Amino acid sequence: MMVSMEALAMAGEDYQEWGLSIDEYEYQESVVPSHLLAEEDCSEEDSEDEDHVNDDNRDFDGVEAKQHVTCDVRDSSVGKLIEQSISHIIVHLKQIKLLTHLLENFLFSHVLDFLL
């Protein structure tokens, strides 16, 4: 039975009684489920086409604009693209969460040192 720490906290239960550890819970949060990960749809032919297309990129005021996308949206399902986008968003949100905690700890330690 999979129980989340948030659900236990809302129910007023202790997570240790359920056999959960903080490290195990954080690991579970950091792993993206396999059903959310998109499979690679690009073939080797697309990679070879990309090499030829890279020569045809245009540069407008330092911004590179590609005329060809390596993975054609029509060839891959929209659902897989959405899943891949969501998994990237989840990873970035977790990185932001970690950086926020690091910044809070850093600021707290410096304010505490300043006050003492």
PDB file of N, CA and C in Angstrom:
ATOM      1  N   MET A   1       0.847  -1.177   0.000  1.00  0.00           N
ATOM      2  CA  MET A   1       0.000   0.000   0.000  1.00  0.00           C
ATOM      3  C   MET A   1       0.885   1.230   0.000  1.00  0.00           C
ATOM      4  N   MET A   2       0.715   2.093  -0.996  1.00  0.00           N
ATOM      5  CA  MET A   2       1.524   3.290  -1.131  1.00  0.00           C
ATOM      6  C   MET A   2       0.835   4.442  -0.407  1.00  0.00           C
ATOM      7  N   VAL A   3       1.501   4.987   0.591  1.00  0.00           N
ATOM      8  CA  VAL A   3       0.950   6.076   1.379  1.00  0.00           C
ATOM      9  C   VAL A   3       1.894   7.257   1.255  1.00  0.00           C
ATOM     10  N   SER A   4       1.348   8.438   1.011  1.00  0.00           N
ATOM     11  CA  SER A   4       2.202   9.616   0.914  1.00  0.00           C
ATOM     12  C   SER A   4       2.301  10.294   2.271  1.00  0.00           C
ATOM     13  N   MET A   5       3.403  10.999   2.464  1.00  0.00           N
ATOM     14  CA  MET A   5       3.601  11.697   3.728  1.00  0.00           C
ATOM     15  C   MET A   5       2.593  12.825   3.895  1.00  0.00           C
ATOM     16  N   GLU A   6       2.208  13.453   2.778  1.00  0.00           N
ATOM     17  CA  GLU A   6       1.218  14.522   2.856  1.00  0.00           C
ATOM     18  C   GLU A   6      -0.113  13.983   3.375  1.00  0.00           C
ATOM     19  N   ALA A   7      -0.516  12.814   2.861  1.00  0.00           N
ATOM     20  CA  ALA A   7      -1.779  12.221   3.295  1.00  0.00           C
ATOM     21  C   ALA A   7      -1.717  11.854   4.777  1.00  0.00           C
ATOM     22  N   LEU A   8      -0.585  11.312   5.217  1.00  0.00           N
ATOM     23  CA  LEU A   8      -0.440  10.964   6.632  1.00  0.00           C
ATOM     24  C   LEU A   8      -0.460  12.212   7.502  1.00  0.00           C
ATOM     25  N   ALA A   9       0.191  13.289   7.031  1.00  0.00           N
ATOM     26  CA  ALA A   9       0.218  14.528   7.803  1.00  0.00           C
ATOM     27  C   ALA A   9      -1.187  15.121   7.923  1.00  0.00           C
ATOM     28  N   MET A  10      -1.956  15.076   6.840  1.00  0.00           N
ATOM     29  CA  MET A  10      -3.326  15.598   6.891  1.00  0.00           C
ATOM     30  C   MET A  10      -4.201  14.754   7.808  1.00  0.00           C
ATOM     31  N   ALA A  11      -3.894  13.467   7.906  1.00  0.00           N
ATOM     32  CA  ALA A  11      -4.675  12.584   8.769  1.00  0.00           C
ATOM     33  C   ALA A  11      -4.184  12.622  10.212  1.00  0.00           C
ATOM     34  N   GLY A  12      -3.083  13.333  10.460  1.00  0.00           N
ATOM     35  CA  GLY A  12      -2.545  13.427  11.809  1.00  0.00           C
ATOM     36  C   GLY A  12      -1.783  12.197  12.243  1.00  0.00           C
ATOM     37  N   GLU A  13      -1.308  11.407  11.300  1.00  0.00           N
ATOM     38  CA  GLU A  13      -0.565  10.183  11.596  1.00  0.00           C
ATOM     39  C   GLU A  13       0.938  10.444  11.514  1.00  0.00           C
ATOM     40  N   ASP A  14       1.702   9.622  12.192  1.00  0.00           N
ATOM     41  CA  ASP A  14       3.156   9.702  12.143  1.00  0.00           C
ATOM     42  C   ASP A  14       3.662   8.832  11.000  1.00  0.00           C
ATOM     43  N   TYR A  15       4.506   9.404  10.155  1.00  0.00           N
ATOM     44  CA  TYR A  15       4.995   8.659   8.988  1.00  0.00           C
ATOM     45  C   TYR A  15       5.885   7.489   9.392  1.00  0.00           C
ATOM     46  N   GLN A  16       6.525   7.572  10.562  1.00  0.00           N
ATOM     47  CA  GLN A  16       7.408   6.488  10.996  1.00  0.00           C
ATOM     48  C   GLN A  16       6.613   5.243  11.384  1.00  0.00           C
ATOM     49  N   GLU A  17       5.385   5.426  11.839  1.00  0.00           N
ATOM     50  CA  GLU A  17       4.546   4.276  12.166  1.00  0.00           C
ATOM     51  C   GLU A  17       4.208   3.468  10.922  1.00  0.00           C
ATOM     52  N   TRP A  18       4.209   4.119   9.771  1.00  0.00           N
ATOM     53  CA  TRP A  18       3.893   3.452   8.511  1.00  0.00           C
ATOM     54  C   TRP A  18       5.143   2.918   7.838  1.00  0.00           C
ATOM     55  N   GLY A  19       6.301   3.097   8.471  1.00  0.00           N
ATOM     56  CA  GLY A  19       7.542   2.549   7.929  1.00  0.00           C
ATOM     57  C   GLY A  19       8.138   3.370   6.803  1.00  0.00           C
ATOM     58  N   LEU A  20       7.828   4.654   6.748  1.00  0.00           N
ATOM     59  CA  LEU A  20       8.396   5.522   5.719  1.00  0.00           C
ATOM     60  C   LEU A  20       9.609   6.256   6.275  1.00  0.00           C
ATOM     61  N   SER A  21      10.578   6.479   5.415  1.00  0.00           N
ATOM     62  CA  SER A  21      11.716   7.309   5.790  1.00  0.00           C
ATOM     63  C   SER A  21      11.762   8.506   4.856  1.00  0.00           C
ATOM     64  N   ILE A  22      12.356   9.585   5.318  1.00  0.00           N
ATOM     65  CA  ILE A  22      12.437  10.810   4.515  1.00  0.00           C
ATOM     66  C   ILE A  22      13.222  10.553   3.237  1.00  0.00           C
ATOM     67  N   ASP A  23      14.355   9.856   3.336  1.00  0.00           N
ATOM     68  CA  ASP A  23      15.185   9.591   2.154  1.00  0.00           C
ATOM     69  C   ASP A  23      14.423   8.773   1.117  1.00  0.00           C
ATOM     70  N   GLU A  24      13.721   7.752   1.580  1.00  0.00           N
ATOM     71  CA  GLU A  24      12.953   6.901   0.670  1.00  0.00           C
ATOM     72  C   GLU A  24      11.842   7.701  -0.003  1.00  0.00           C
ATOM     73  N   TYR A  25      11.189   8.576   0.768  1.00  0.00           N
ATOM     74  CA  TYR A  25      10.105   9.385   0.218  1.00  0.00           C
ATOM     75  C   TYR A  25      10.628  10.384  -0.819  1.00  0.00           C
ATOM     76  N   GLU A  26      11.765  11.041  -0.523  1.00  0.00           N
ATOM     77  CA  GLU A  26      12.334  11.994  -1.475  1.00  0.00           C
ATOM     78  C   GLU A  26      12.782  11.286  -2.746  1.00  0.00           C
ATOM     79  N   TYR A  27      13.286  10.053  -2.617  1.00  0.00           N
ATOM     80  CA  TYR A  27      13.677   9.297  -3.807  1.00  0.00           C
ATOM     81  C   TYR A  27      12.453   8.984  -4.659  1.00  0.00           C
ATOM     82  N   GLN A  28      11.357   8.606  -4.002  1.00  0.00           N
ATOM     83  CA  GLN A  28      10.128   8.305  -4.740  1.00  0.00           C
ATOM     84  C   GLN A  28       9.634   9.536  -5.487  1.00  0.00           C
ATOM     85  N   GLU A  29       9.796  10.721  -4.889  1.00  0.00           N
ATOM     86  CA  GLU A  29       9.375  11.950  -5.548  1.00  0.00           C
ATOM     87  C   GLU A  29      10.269  12.294  -6.724  1.00  0.00           C
ATOM     88  N   SER A  30      11.564  11.943  -6.641  1.00  0.00           N
ATOM     89  CA  SER A  30      12.500  12.347  -7.687  1.00  0.00           C
ATOM     90  C   SER A  30      12.460  11.437  -8.907  1.00  0.00           C
ATOM     91  N   VAL A  31      11.896  10.251  -8.780  1.00  0.00           N
ATOM     92  CA  VAL A  31      11.843   9.313  -9.901  1.00  0.00           C
ATOM     93  C   VAL A  31      10.557   9.547 -10.696  1.00  0.00           C
ATOM     94  N   VAL A  32      10.720   9.788 -11.991  1.00  0.00           N
ATOM     95  CA  VAL A  32       9.565   9.977 -12.868  1.00  0.00           C
ATOM     96  C   VAL A  32       9.055   8.595 -13.270  1.00  0.00           C
ATOM     97  N   PRO A  33       7.768   8.327 -13.085  1.00  0.00           N
ATOM     98  CA  PRO A  33       7.228   7.013 -13.453  1.00  0.00           C
ATOM     99  C   PRO A  33       7.447   6.715 -14.930  1.00  0.00           C
ATOM    100  N   SER A  34       7.666   5.443 -15.229  1.00  0.00           N
ATOM    101  CA  SER A  34       7.985   5.055 -16.602  1.00  0.00           C
ATOM    102  C   SER A  34       6.841   5.345 -17.563  1.00  0.00           C
ATOM    103  N   HIS A  35       5.599   5.322 -17.082  1.00  0.00           N
ATOM    104  CA  HIS A  35       4.486   5.602 -17.993  1.00  0.00           C
ATOM    105  C   HIS A  35       4.415   7.078 -18.376  1.00  0.00           C
ATOM    106  N   LEU A  36       5.160   7.947 -17.655  1.00  0.00           N
ATOM    107  CA  LEU A  36       5.201   9.359 -18.017  1.00  0.00           C
ATOM    108  C   LEU A  36       6.346   9.694 -18.961  1.00  0.00           C
ATOM    109  N   LEU A  37       7.294   8.793 -19.083  1.00  0.00           N
ATOM    110  CA  LEU A  37       8.432   9.046 -19.954  1.00  0.00           C
ATOM    111  C   LEU A  37       8.077   8.692 -21.385  1.00  0.00           C
ATOM    112  N   ALA A  38       8.450   9.564 -22.300  1.00  0.00           N
ATOM    113  CA  ALA A  38       8.175   9.321 -23.718  1.00  0.00           C
ATOM    114  C   ALA A  38       9.300   8.494 -24.315  1.00  0.00           C
ATOM    115  N   GLU A  39       8.936   7.666 -25.268  1.00  0.00           N
ATOM    116  CA  GLU A  39       9.941   6.881 -25.972  1.00  0.00           C
ATOM    117  C   GLU A  39      10.534   7.732 -27.079  1.00  0.00           C
ATOM    118  N   GLU A  40      11.756   7.414 -27.450  1.00  0.00           N
ATOM    119  CA  GLU A  40      12.409   8.142 -28.532  1.00  0.00           C
ATOM    120  C   GLU A  40      11.749   7.781 -29.850  1.00  0.00           C
ATOM    121  N   ASP A  41      11.250   8.783 -30.558  1.00  0.00           N
ATOM    122  CA  ASP A  41      10.603   8.553 -31.842  1.00  0.00           C
ATOM    123  C   ASP A  41      11.510   8.884 -33.018  1.00  0.00           C
ATOM    124  N   CYS A  42      12.606   9.549 -32.752  1.00  0.00           N
ATOM    125  CA  CYS A  42      13.494   9.957 -33.835  1.00  0.00           C
ATOM    126  C   CYS A  42      14.350   8.772 -34.261  1.00  0.00           C
ATOM    127  N   SER A  43      14.451   8.572 -35.536  1.00  0.00           N
ATOM    128  CA  SER A  43      15.274   7.478 -36.042  1.00  0.00           C
ATOM    129  C   SER A  43      16.636   8.017 -36.452  1.00  0.00           C
ATOM    130  N   GLU A  44      17.507   7.109 -36.881  1.00  0.00           N
ATOM    131  CA  GLU A  44      18.828   7.520 -37.323  1.00  0.00           C
ATOM    132  C   GLU A  44      18.738   8.387 -38.571  1.00  0.00           C
ATOM    133  N   GLU A  45      17.723   8.138 -39.399  1.00  0.00           N
ATOM    134  CA  GLU A  45      17.549   8.949 -40.594  1.00  0.00           C
ATOM    135  C   GLU A  45      17.289  10.398 -40.218  1.00  0.00           C
ATOM    136  N   ASP A  46      16.512  10.609 -39.162  1.00  0.00           N
ATOM    137  CA  ASP A  46      16.250  11.969 -38.720  1.00  0.00           C
ATOM    138  C   ASP A  46      17.532  12.636 -38.260  1.00  0.00           C
ATOM    139  N   SER A  47      18.420  11.876 -37.598  1.00  0.00           N
ATOM    140  CA  SER A  47      19.690  12.423 -37.151  1.00  0.00           C
ATOM    141  C   SER A  47      20.553  12.823 -38.335  1.00  0.00           C
ATOM    142  N   GLU A  48      20.557  11.985 -39.382  1.00  0.00           N
ATOM    143  CA  GLU A  48      21.328  12.318 -40.575  1.00  0.00           C
ATOM    144  C   GLU A  48      20.736  13.540 -41.263  1.00  0.00           C
ATOM    145  N   ASP A  49      19.408  13.620 -41.316  1.00  0.00           N
ATOM    146  CA  ASP A  49      18.758  14.785 -41.910  1.00  0.00           C
ATOM    147  C   ASP A  49      19.091  16.042 -41.121  1.00  0.00           C
ATOM    148  N   GLU A  50      19.182  15.908 -39.803  1.00  0.00           N
ATOM    149  CA  GLU A  50      19.485  17.057 -38.961  1.00  0.00           C
ATOM    150  C   GLU A  50      20.874  17.604 -39.274  1.00  0.00           C
ATOM    151  N   ASP A  51      21.837  16.713 -39.539  1.00  0.00           N
ATOM    152  CA  ASP A  51      23.185  17.160 -39.873  1.00  0.00           C
ATOM    153  C   ASP A  51      23.174  18.012 -41.130  1.00  0.00           C
ATOM    154  N   HIS A  52      22.363  17.611 -42.103  1.00  0.00           N
ATOM    155  CA  HIS A  52      22.278  18.382 -43.338  1.00  0.00           C
ATOM    156  C   HIS A  52      21.515  19.682 -43.119  1.00  0.00           C
ATOM    157  N   VAL A  53      20.540  19.664 -42.245  1.00  0.00           N
ATOM    158  CA  VAL A  53      19.719  20.847 -42.013  1.00  0.00           C
ATOM    159  C   VAL A  53      20.481  21.889 -41.217  1.00  0.00           C
ATOM    160  N   ASN A  54      21.382  21.467 -40.328  1.00  0.00           N
ATOM    161  CA  ASN A  54      22.127  22.411 -39.515  1.00  0.00           C
ATOM    162  C   ASN A  54      22.913  23.396 -40.364  1.00  0.00           C
ATOM    163  N   ASP A  55      23.286  22.995 -41.568  1.00  0.00           N
ATOM    164  CA  ASP A  55      24.004  23.897 -42.451  1.00  0.00           C
ATOM    165  C   ASP A  55      23.084  24.986 -42.982  1.00  0.00           C
ATOM    166  N   ASP A  56      21.765  24.759 -42.947  1.00  0.00           N
ATOM    167  CA  ASP A  56      20.811  25.681 -43.544  1.00  0.00           C
ATOM    168  C   ASP A  56      20.151  26.599 -42.508  1.00  0.00           C
ATOM    169  N   ASN A  57      20.658  26.634 -41.284  1.00  0.00           N
ATOM    170  CA  ASN A  57      20.072  27.493 -40.259  1.00  0.00           C
ATOM    171  C   ASN A  57      20.368  28.950 -40.571  1.00  0.00           C
ATOM    172  N   ARG A  58      19.431  29.799 -40.205  1.00  0.00           N
ATOM    173  CA  ARG A  58      19.629  31.229 -40.420  1.00  0.00           C
ATOM    174  C   ARG A  58      19.905  31.893 -39.087  1.00  0.00           C
ATOM    175  N   ASP A  59      20.658  32.970 -39.122  1.00  0.00           N
ATOM    176  CA  ASP A  59      21.012  33.697 -37.915  1.00  0.00           C
ATOM    177  C   ASP A  59      20.471  35.114 -38.036  1.00  0.00           C
ATOM    178  N   PHE A  60      19.476  35.453 -37.209  1.00  0.00           N
ATOM    179  CA  PHE A  60      18.891  36.782 -37.222  1.00  0.00           C
ATOM    180  C   PHE A  60      19.256  37.482 -35.924  1.00  0.00           C
ATOM    181  N   ASP A  61      20.105  38.481 -35.994  1.00  0.00           N
ATOM    182  CA  ASP A  61      20.529  39.259 -34.827  1.00  0.00           C
ATOM    183  C   ASP A  61      20.989  38.354 -33.685  1.00  0.00           C
ATOM    184  N   GLY A  62      21.753  37.347 -33.986  1.00  0.00           N
ATOM    185  CA  GLY A  62      22.296  36.459 -32.972  1.00  0.00           C
ATOM    186  C   GLY A  62      21.345  35.365 -32.525  1.00  0.00           C
ATOM    187  N   VAL A  63      20.123  35.340 -33.041  1.00  0.00           N
ATOM    188  CA  VAL A  63      19.161  34.305 -32.673  1.00  0.00           C
ATOM    189  C   VAL A  63      19.071  33.314 -33.818  1.00  0.00           C
ATOM    190  N   GLU A  64      19.313  32.056 -33.509  1.00  0.00           N
ATOM    191  CA  GLU A  64      19.313  31.023 -34.534  1.00  0.00           C
ATOM    192  C   GLU A  64      17.892  30.514 -34.755  1.00  0.00           C
ATOM    193  N   ALA A  65      17.465  30.469 -36.009  1.00  0.00           N
ATOM    194  CA  ALA A  65      16.127  29.969 -36.341  1.00  0.00           C
ATOM    195  C   ALA A  65      16.269  28.764 -37.251  1.00  0.00           C
ATOM    196  N   LYS A  66      15.817  27.609 -36.795  1.00  0.00           N
ATOM    197  CA  LYS A  66      15.903  26.400 -37.608  1.00  0.00           C
ATOM    198  C   LYS A  66      14.669  26.291 -38.488  1.00  0.00           C
ATOM    199  N   GLN A  67      14.880  25.867 -39.716  1.00  0.00           N
ATOM    200  CA  GLN A  67      13.768  25.731 -40.643  1.00  0.00           C
ATOM    201  C   GLN A  67      13.167  24.332 -40.604  1.00  0.00           C
ATOM    202  N   HIS A  68      13.826  23.395 -39.932  1.00  0.00           N
ATOM    203  CA  HIS A  68      13.352  22.014 -39.929  1.00  0.00           C
ATOM    204  C   HIS A  68      13.416  21.465 -38.512  1.00  0.00           C
ATOM    205  N   VAL A  69      12.363  20.821 -38.082  1.00  0.00           N
ATOM    206  CA  VAL A  69      12.329  20.180 -36.775  1.00  0.00           C
ATOM    207  C   VAL A  69      12.651  18.710 -36.982  1.00  0.00           C
ATOM    208  N   THR A  70      13.535  18.156 -36.129  1.00  0.00           N
ATOM    209  CA  THR A  70      13.999  16.784 -36.341  1.00  0.00           C
ATOM    210  C   THR A  70      12.887  15.759 -36.152  1.00  0.00           C
ATOM    211  N   CYS A  71      12.029  15.925 -35.161  1.00  0.00           N
ATOM    212  CA  CYS A  71      10.924  14.994 -34.930  1.00  0.00           C
ATOM    213  C   CYS A  71       9.644  15.649 -35.422  1.00  0.00           C
ATOM    214  N   ASP A  72       9.067  15.102 -36.446  1.00  0.00           N
ATOM    215  CA  ASP A  72       7.843  15.653 -37.004  1.00  0.00           C
ATOM    216  C   ASP A  72       6.682  15.326 -36.072  1.00  0.00           C
ATOM    217  N   VAL A  73       5.889  16.337 -35.734  1.00  0.00           N
ATOM    218  CA  VAL A  73       4.774  16.162 -34.811  1.00  0.00           C
ATOM    219  C   VAL A  73       3.749  15.191 -35.389  1.00  0.00           C
ATOM    220  N   ARG A  74       3.598  15.174 -36.692  1.00  0.00           N
ATOM    221  CA  ARG A  74       2.621  14.281 -37.308  1.00  0.00           C
ATOM    222  C   ARG A  74       3.022  12.817 -37.145  1.00  0.00           C
ATOM    223  N   ASP A  75       4.344  12.546 -37.071  1.00  0.00           N
ATOM    224  CA  ASP A  75       4.805  11.165 -36.942  1.00  0.00           C
ATOM    225  C   ASP A  75       4.665  10.630 -35.518  1.00  0.00           C
ATOM    226  N   SER A  76       4.783  11.490 -34.539  1.00  0.00           N
ATOM    227  CA  SER A  76       4.688  11.029 -33.152  1.00  0.00           C
ATOM    228  C   SER A  76       3.336  11.439 -32.577  1.00  0.00           C
ATOM    229  N   SER A  77       2.901  10.706 -31.610  1.00  0.00           N
ATOM    230  CA  SER A  77       1.591  10.996 -31.030  1.00  0.00           C
ATOM    231  C   SER A  77       1.689  12.220 -30.124  1.00  0.00           C
ATOM    232  N   VAL A  78       0.624  12.967 -30.087  1.00  0.00           N
ATOM    233  CA  VAL A  78       0.574  14.174 -29.276  1.00  0.00           C
ATOM    234  C   VAL A  78       0.671  13.812 -27.796  1.00  0.00           C
ATOM    235  N   GLY A  79       0.097  12.678 -27.422  1.00  0.00           N
ATOM    236  CA  GLY A  79       0.149  12.257 -26.028  1.00  0.00           C
ATOM    237  C   GLY A  79       1.565  12.058 -25.528  1.00  0.00           C
ATOM    238  N   LYS A  80       2.415  11.469 -26.370  1.00  0.00           N
ATOM    239  CA  LYS A  80       3.807  11.253 -25.963  1.00  0.00           C
ATOM    240  C   LYS A  80       4.541  12.578 -25.828  1.00  0.00           C
ATOM    241  N   LEU A  81       4.242  13.528 -26.712  1.00  0.00           N
ATOM    242  CA  LEU A  81       4.872  14.842 -26.602  1.00  0.00           C
ATOM    243  C   LEU A  81       4.443  15.545 -25.322  1.00  0.00           C
ATOM    244  N   ILE A  82       3.173  15.407 -24.978  1.00  0.00           N
ATOM    245  CA  ILE A  82       2.677  16.012 -23.743  1.00  0.00           C
ATOM    246  C   ILE A  82       3.330  15.348 -22.536  1.00  0.00           C
ATOM    247  N   GLU A  83       3.433  14.019 -22.541  1.00  0.00           N
ATOM    248  CA  GLU A  83       4.071  13.301 -21.434  1.00  0.00           C
ATOM    249  C   GLU A  83       5.523  13.725 -21.281  1.00  0.00           C
ATOM    250  N   GLN A  84       6.218  13.866 -22.397  1.00  0.00           N
ATOM    251  CA  GLN A  84       7.619  14.273 -22.342  1.00  0.00           C
ATOM    252  C   GLN A  84       7.728  15.688 -21.785  1.00  0.00           C
ATOM    253  N   SER A  85       6.851  16.578 -22.214  1.00  0.00           N
ATOM    254  CA  SER A  85       6.868  17.952 -21.714  1.00  0.00           C
ATOM    255  C   SER A  85       6.581  17.990 -20.221  1.00  0.00           C
ATOM    256  N   ILE A  86       5.615  17.196 -19.783  1.00  0.00           N
ATOM    257  CA  ILE A  86       5.275  17.164 -18.360  1.00  0.00           C
ATOM    258  C   ILE A  86       6.436  16.615 -17.543  1.00  0.00           C
ATOM    259  N   SER A  87       7.107  15.582 -18.047  1.00  0.00           N
ATOM    260  CA  SER A  87       8.238  15.027 -17.294  1.00  0.00           C
ATOM    261  C   SER A  87       9.366  16.048 -17.194  1.00  0.00           C
ATOM    262  N   HIS A  88       9.587  16.840 -18.254  1.00  0.00           N
ATOM    263  CA  HIS A  88      10.602  17.895 -18.189  1.00  0.00           C
ATOM    264  C   HIS A  88      10.189  18.978 -17.191  1.00  0.00           C
ATOM    265  N   ILE A  89       8.908  19.327 -17.177  1.00  0.00           N
ATOM    266  CA  ILE A  89       8.421  20.332 -16.238  1.00  0.00           C
ATOM    267  C   ILE A  89       8.594  19.842 -14.805  1.00  0.00           C
ATOM    268  N   ILE A  90       8.278  18.569 -14.554  1.00  0.00           N
ATOM    269  CA  ILE A  90       8.426  18.001 -13.211  1.00  0.00           C
ATOM    270  C   ILE A  90       9.876  18.065 -12.756  1.00  0.00           C
ATOM    271  N   VAL A  91      10.796  17.702 -13.642  1.00  0.00           N
ATOM    272  CA  VAL A  91      12.222  17.737 -13.294  1.00  0.00           C
ATOM    273  C   VAL A  91      12.643  19.158 -12.954  1.00  0.00           C
ATOM    274  N   HIS A  92      12.215  20.137 -13.764  1.00  0.00           N
ATOM    275  CA  HIS A  92      12.596  21.523 -13.507  1.00  0.00           C
ATOM    276  C   HIS A  92      11.975  22.047 -12.216  1.00  0.00           C
ATOM    277  N   LEU A  93      10.742  21.679 -11.937  1.00  0.00           N
ATOM    278  CA  LEU A  93      10.111  22.110 -10.690  1.00  0.00           C
ATOM    279  C   LEU A  93      10.830  21.537  -9.475  1.00  0.00           C
ATOM    280  N   LYS A  94      11.277  20.289  -9.575  1.00  0.00           N
ATOM    281  CA  LYS A  94      12.017  19.684  -8.469  1.00  0.00           C
ATOM    282  C   LYS A  94      13.369  20.357  -8.284  1.00  0.00           C
ATOM    283  N   GLN A  95      14.001  20.766  -9.383  1.00  0.00           N
ATOM    284  CA  GLN A  95      15.264  21.492  -9.281  1.00  0.00           C
ATOM    285  C   GLN A  95      15.040  22.856  -8.636  1.00  0.00           C
ATOM    286  N   ILE A  96      13.951  23.519  -9.003  1.00  0.00           N
ATOM    287  CA  ILE A  96      13.626  24.810  -8.394  1.00  0.00           C
ATOM    288  C   ILE A  96      13.357  24.633  -6.904  1.00  0.00           C
ATOM    289  N   LYS A  97      12.652  23.571  -6.541  1.00  0.00           N
ATOM    290  CA  LYS A  97      12.360  23.289  -5.132  1.00  0.00           C
ATOM    291  C   LYS A  97      13.659  23.089  -4.352  1.00  0.00           C
ATOM    292  N   LEU A  98      14.588  22.321  -4.925  1.00  0.00           N
ATOM    293  CA  LEU A  98      15.869  22.087  -4.262  1.00  0.00           C
ATOM    294  C   LEU A  98      16.640  23.389  -4.116  1.00  0.00           C
ATOM    295  N   LEU A  99      16.696  24.191  -5.176  1.00  0.00           N
ATOM    296  CA  LEU A  99      17.417  25.462  -5.113  1.00  0.00           C
ATOM    297  C   LEU A  99      16.783  26.413  -4.103  1.00  0.00           C
ATOM    298  N   THR A 100      15.470  26.387  -3.991  1.00  0.00           N
ATOM    299  CA  THR A 100      14.783  27.221  -3.005  1.00  0.00           C
ATOM    300  C   THR A 100      15.172  26.810  -1.591  1.00  0.00           C
ATOM    301  N   HIS A 101      15.212  25.499  -1.336  1.00  0.00           N
ATOM    302  CA  HIS A 101      15.628  25.017  -0.013  1.00  0.00           C
ATOM    303  C   HIS A 101      17.076  25.402   0.277  1.00  0.00           C
ATOM    304  N   LEU A 102      17.944  25.275  -0.700  1.00  0.00           N
ATOM    305  CA  LEU A 102      19.343  25.645  -0.505  1.00  0.00           C
ATOM    306  C   LEU A 102      19.474  27.133  -0.206  1.00  0.00           C
ATOM    307  N   LEU A 103      18.738  27.962  -0.934  1.00  0.00           N
ATOM    308  CA  LEU A 103      18.777  29.403  -0.713  1.00  0.00           C
ATOM    309  C   LEU A 103      18.234  29.759   0.661  1.00  0.00           C
ATOM    310  N   GLU A 104      17.139  29.129   1.066  1.00  0.00           N
ATOM    311  CA  GLU A 104      16.578  29.385   2.395  1.00  0.00           C
ATOM    312  C   GLU A 104      17.579  29.017   3.486  1.00  0.00           C
ATOM    313  N   ASN A 105      18.219  27.857   3.360  1.00  0.00           N
ATOM    314  CA  ASN A 105      19.207  27.435   4.355  1.00  0.00           C
ATOM    315  C   ASN A 105      20.402  28.372   4.376  1.00  0.00           C
ATOM    316  N   PHE A 106      20.849  28.800   3.201  1.00  0.00           N
ATOM    317  CA  PHE A 106      21.982  29.716   3.108  1.00  0.00           C
ATOM    318  C   PHE A 106      21.643  31.047   3.767  1.00  0.00           C
ATOM    319  N   LEU A 107      20.483  31.609   3.423  1.00  0.00           N
ATOM    320  CA  LEU A 107      20.082  32.891   4.002  1.00  0.00           C
ATOM    321  C   LEU A 107      19.860  32.773   5.500  1.00  0.00           C
ATOM    322  N   PHE A 108      19.237  31.677   5.948  1.00  0.00           N
ATOM    323  CA  PHE A 108      18.993  31.485   7.367  1.00  0.00           C
ATOM    324  C   PHE A 108      20.301  31.423   8.144  1.00  0.00           C
ATOM    325  N   SER A 109      21.277  30.691   7.621  1.00  0.00           N
ATOM    326  CA  SER A 109      22.548  30.564   8.334  1.00  0.00           C
ATOM    327  C   SER A 109      23.272  31.902   8.407  1.00  0.00           C
ATOM    328  N   HIS A 110      23.210  32.706   7.337  1.00  0.00           N
ATOM    329  CA  HIS A 110      23.887  34.007   7.359  1.00  0.00           C
ATOM    330  C   HIS A 110      23.165  35.004   8.255  1.00  0.00           C
ATOM    331  N   VAL A 111      21.850  34.979   8.282  1.00  0.00           N
ATOM    332  CA  VAL A 111      21.103  35.865   9.174  1.00  0.00           C
ATOM    333  C   VAL A 111      21.363  35.466  10.614  1.00  0.00           C
ATOM    334  N   LEU A 112      21.404  34.169  10.876  1.00  0.00           N
ATOM    335  CA  LEU A 112      21.678  33.688  12.226  1.00  0.00           C
ATOM    336  C   LEU A 112      23.083  34.088  12.666  1.00  0.00           C
ATOM    337  N   ASP A 113      24.068  33.954  11.787  1.00  0.00           N
ATOM    338  CA  ASP A 113      25.437  34.379  12.102  1.00  0.00           C
ATOM    339  C   ASP A 113      25.494  35.877  12.356  1.00  0.00           C
ATOM    340  N   PHE A 114      24.743  36.641  11.584  1.00  0.00           N
ATOM    341  CA  PHE A 114      24.735  38.092  11.740  1.00  0.00           C
ATOM    342  C   PHE A 114      24.127  38.495  13.078  1.00  0.00           C
ATOM    343  N   LEU A 115      23.055  37.807  13.468  1.00  0.00           N
ATOM    344  CA  LEU A 115      22.384  38.137  14.721  1.00  0.00           C
ATOM    345  C   LEU A 115      23.187  37.711  15.939  1.00  0.00           C
ATOM    346  N   LEU A 116      23.925  36.631  15.820  1.00  0.00           N
ATOM    347  CA  LEU A 116      24.698  36.150  16.967  1.00  0.00           C
ATOM    348  C   LEU A 116      26.031  36.826  16.972  1.00  0.00           C
TER     349      LEU A 116
END
